[in-house]
C-alpha atoms as a PDB file:
ATOM      1  CA  MET A   1     -17.410   8.192  -4.970  1.00  0.00           C
ATOM      2  CA  GLU A   2     -16.908   7.300  -1.358  1.00  0.00           C
ATOM      3  CA  LYS A   3     -13.346   6.747  -0.184  1.00  0.00           C
ATOM      4  CA  VAL A   4     -12.210   3.828   1.928  1.00  0.00           C
ATOM      5  CA  LEU A   5      -8.972   3.339   3.888  1.00  0.00           C
ATOM      6  CA  TYR A   6      -7.236  -0.036   3.850  1.00  0.00           C
ATOM      7  CA  LYS A   7      -4.465  -0.874   6.286  1.00  0.00           C
ATOM      8  CA  ILE A   8      -2.280  -3.318   4.370  1.00  0.00           C
ATOM      9  CA  TYR A   9       0.527  -5.527   5.691  1.00  0.00           C
ATOM     10  CA  VAL A  10       2.731  -7.030   2.987  1.00  0.00           C
ATOM     11  CA  ARG A  11       4.843  -9.992   4.091  1.00  0.00           C
ATOM     12  CA  GLY A  12       7.554 -11.864   2.242  1.00  0.00           C
ATOM     13  CA  ARG A  13      10.847 -10.636   0.780  1.00  0.00           C
ATOM     14  CA  VAL A  14       9.680  -7.041   0.374  1.00  0.00           C
ATOM     15  CA  GLN A  15      12.438  -4.981   1.987  1.00  0.00           C
ATOM     16  CA  GLY A  16      15.593  -4.021   0.125  1.00  0.00           C
ATOM     17  CA  VAL A  17      13.929  -4.577  -3.271  1.00  0.00           C
ATOM     18  CA  GLY A  18      12.472  -1.105  -3.947  1.00  0.00           C
ATOM     19  CA  PHE A  19       8.964  -2.058  -2.825  1.00  0.00           C
ATOM     20  CA  ARG A  20       8.229   1.267  -1.090  1.00  0.00           C
ATOM     21  CA  TYR A  21       9.418   3.403  -4.009  1.00  0.00           C
ATOM     22  CA  SER A  22       7.453   1.277  -6.469  1.00  0.00           C
ATOM     23  CA  ALA A  23       4.413   1.522  -4.185  1.00  0.00           C
ATOM     24  CA  VAL A  24       4.567   5.329  -4.370  1.00  0.00           C
ATOM     25  CA  ARG A  25       4.584   5.179  -8.186  1.00  0.00           C
ATOM     26  CA  ALA A  26       1.750   2.623  -8.246  1.00  0.00           C
ATOM     27  CA  ALA A  27      -0.319   4.592  -5.720  1.00  0.00           C
ATOM     28  CA  ASN A  28       0.054   7.771  -7.772  1.00  0.00           C
ATOM     29  CA  HIS A  29      -0.933   5.851 -10.917  1.00  0.00           C
ATOM     30  CA  HIS A  30      -4.052   4.427  -9.233  1.00  0.00           C
ATOM     31  CA  GLY A  31      -5.113   7.631  -7.444  1.00  0.00           C
ATOM     32  CA  ILE A  32      -4.301   6.282  -3.974  1.00  0.00           C
ATOM     33  CA  THR A  33      -3.298   8.467  -1.025  1.00  0.00           C
ATOM     34  CA  GLY A  34      -1.687   7.416   2.268  1.00  0.00           C
ATOM     35  CA  PHE A  35       1.757   6.115   3.167  1.00  0.00           C
ATOM     36  CA  VAL A  36       4.096   3.128   3.107  1.00  0.00           C
ATOM     37  CA  LYS A  37       6.837   2.143   5.561  1.00  0.00           C
ATOM     38  CA  ASN A  38       9.166  -0.721   6.415  1.00  0.00           C
ATOM     39  CA  MET A  39       8.439  -2.558   9.627  1.00  0.00           C
ATOM     40  CA  PRO A  40      11.040  -4.020  12.037  1.00  0.00           C
ATOM     41  CA  ASP A  41       9.811  -7.585  11.313  1.00  0.00           C
ATOM     42  CA  GLY A  42      10.716  -7.305   7.605  1.00  0.00           C
ATOM     43  CA  SER A  43       7.187  -6.589   6.381  1.00  0.00           C
ATOM     44  CA  VAL A  44       5.893  -3.436   4.729  1.00  0.00           C
ATOM     45  CA  TYR A  45       2.913  -1.529   6.173  1.00  0.00           C
ATOM     46  CA  MET A  46       0.681   0.771   4.137  1.00  0.00           C
ATOM     47  CA  GLU A  47      -2.347   2.906   4.740  1.00  0.00           C
ATOM     48  CA  ALA A  48      -3.985   3.257   1.336  1.00  0.00           C
ATOM     49  CA  GLU A  49      -7.008   5.440   0.731  1.00  0.00           C
ATOM     50  CA  GLY A  50      -9.144   5.646  -2.390  1.00  0.00           C
ATOM     51  CA  THR A  51     -12.337   4.358  -3.954  1.00  0.00           C
ATOM     52  CA  GLU A  52     -13.085   0.645  -3.789  1.00  0.00           C
ATOM     53  CA  LYS A  53     -12.087   0.235  -7.470  1.00  0.00           C
ATOM     54  CA  GLU A  54      -8.827   2.176  -7.033  1.00  0.00           C
ATOM     55  CA  LEU A  55      -7.946   0.125  -3.966  1.00  0.00           C
ATOM     56  CA  LEU A  56      -8.719  -3.202  -5.648  1.00  0.00           C
ATOM     57  CA  ASP A  57      -6.428  -2.257  -8.545  1.00  0.00           C
ATOM     58  CA  PHE A  58      -3.705  -1.147  -6.106  1.00  0.00           C
ATOM     59  CA  ILE A  59      -4.009  -4.368  -4.088  1.00  0.00           C
ATOM     60  CA  GLU A  60      -3.595  -6.359  -7.298  1.00  0.00           C
ATOM     61  CA  TRP A  61      -0.377  -4.410  -7.917  1.00  0.00           C
ATOM     62  CA  CYS A  62       0.739  -5.166  -4.329  1.00  0.00           C
ATOM     63  CA  ARG A  63       0.358  -8.909  -4.914  1.00  0.00           C
ATOM     64  CA  ASN A  64       2.833  -8.698  -7.814  1.00  0.00           C
ATOM     65  CA  GLY A  65       5.107  -5.919  -6.530  1.00  0.00           C
ATOM     66  CA  PRO A  66       8.917  -6.084  -6.362  1.00  0.00           C
ATOM     67  CA  GLY A  67      10.517  -8.892  -4.384  1.00  0.00           C
ATOM     68  CA  HIS A  68       8.444 -11.861  -3.320  1.00  0.00           C
ATOM     69  CA  VAL A  69       5.073 -11.153  -1.734  1.00  0.00           C
ATOM     70  CA  GLY A  70       4.151 -14.051   0.517  1.00  0.00           C
ATOM     71  CA  SER A  71       0.904 -12.675   1.934  1.00  0.00           C
ATOM     72  CA  LEU A  72      -1.248  -9.573   2.275  1.00  0.00           C
ATOM     73  CA  THR A  73      -3.399  -8.682   5.258  1.00  0.00           C
ATOM     74  CA  ILE A  74      -6.012  -6.036   4.444  1.00  0.00           C
ATOM     75  CA  ASP A  75      -8.270  -4.349   6.995  1.00  0.00           C
ATOM     76  CA  PRO A  76     -10.810  -1.613   6.117  1.00  0.00           C
ATOM     77  CA  TYR A  77     -11.009   1.553   8.226  1.00  0.00           C
ATOM     78  CA  PRO A  78     -12.769   4.926   7.968  1.00  0.00           C
ATOM     79  CA  PRO A  79     -10.901   7.324   5.644  1.00  0.00           C
ATOM     80  CA  ARG A  80      -8.388   9.785   7.103  1.00  0.00           C
ATOM     81  CA  ASN A  81      -8.338  12.130   4.085  1.00  0.00           C
ATOM     82  CA  TYR A  82      -4.680  11.829   3.139  1.00  0.00           C
ATOM     83  CA  VAL A  83      -3.632  14.309   0.453  1.00  0.00           C
ATOM     84  CA  ASP A  84      -0.760  12.338  -1.128  1.00  0.00           C
ATOM     85  CA  PHE A  85       1.072   9.000  -0.914  1.00  0.00           C
ATOM     86  CA  ARG A  86       4.534   9.026   0.627  1.00  0.00           C
ATOM     87  CA  ILE A  87       7.211   6.940   2.256  1.00  0.00           C
ATOM     88  CA  VAL A  88       7.334   7.260   6.041  1.00  0.00           C
ATOM     89  CA  PHE A  89      10.567   6.400   7.824  1.00  0.00           C
END
């Protein structure tokens, strides 16, 4: 199956609540590769790569992740062939 990369911005109360660590567990569960990091504006930024089905399941997790997710912005990009999913500082 063809892989897709989504650049995802998660806004709301998503820092200081374990969102990044939970995202790593969820990404591994859903077969997603890429990374997650906190942004200076209080949001969380992710590059998530997988099949369309894997990404849709992961995005559903993101909507209900730790803290309070106010909004998601999702933009598709060509895959970058990440090999794992990790936290970037």
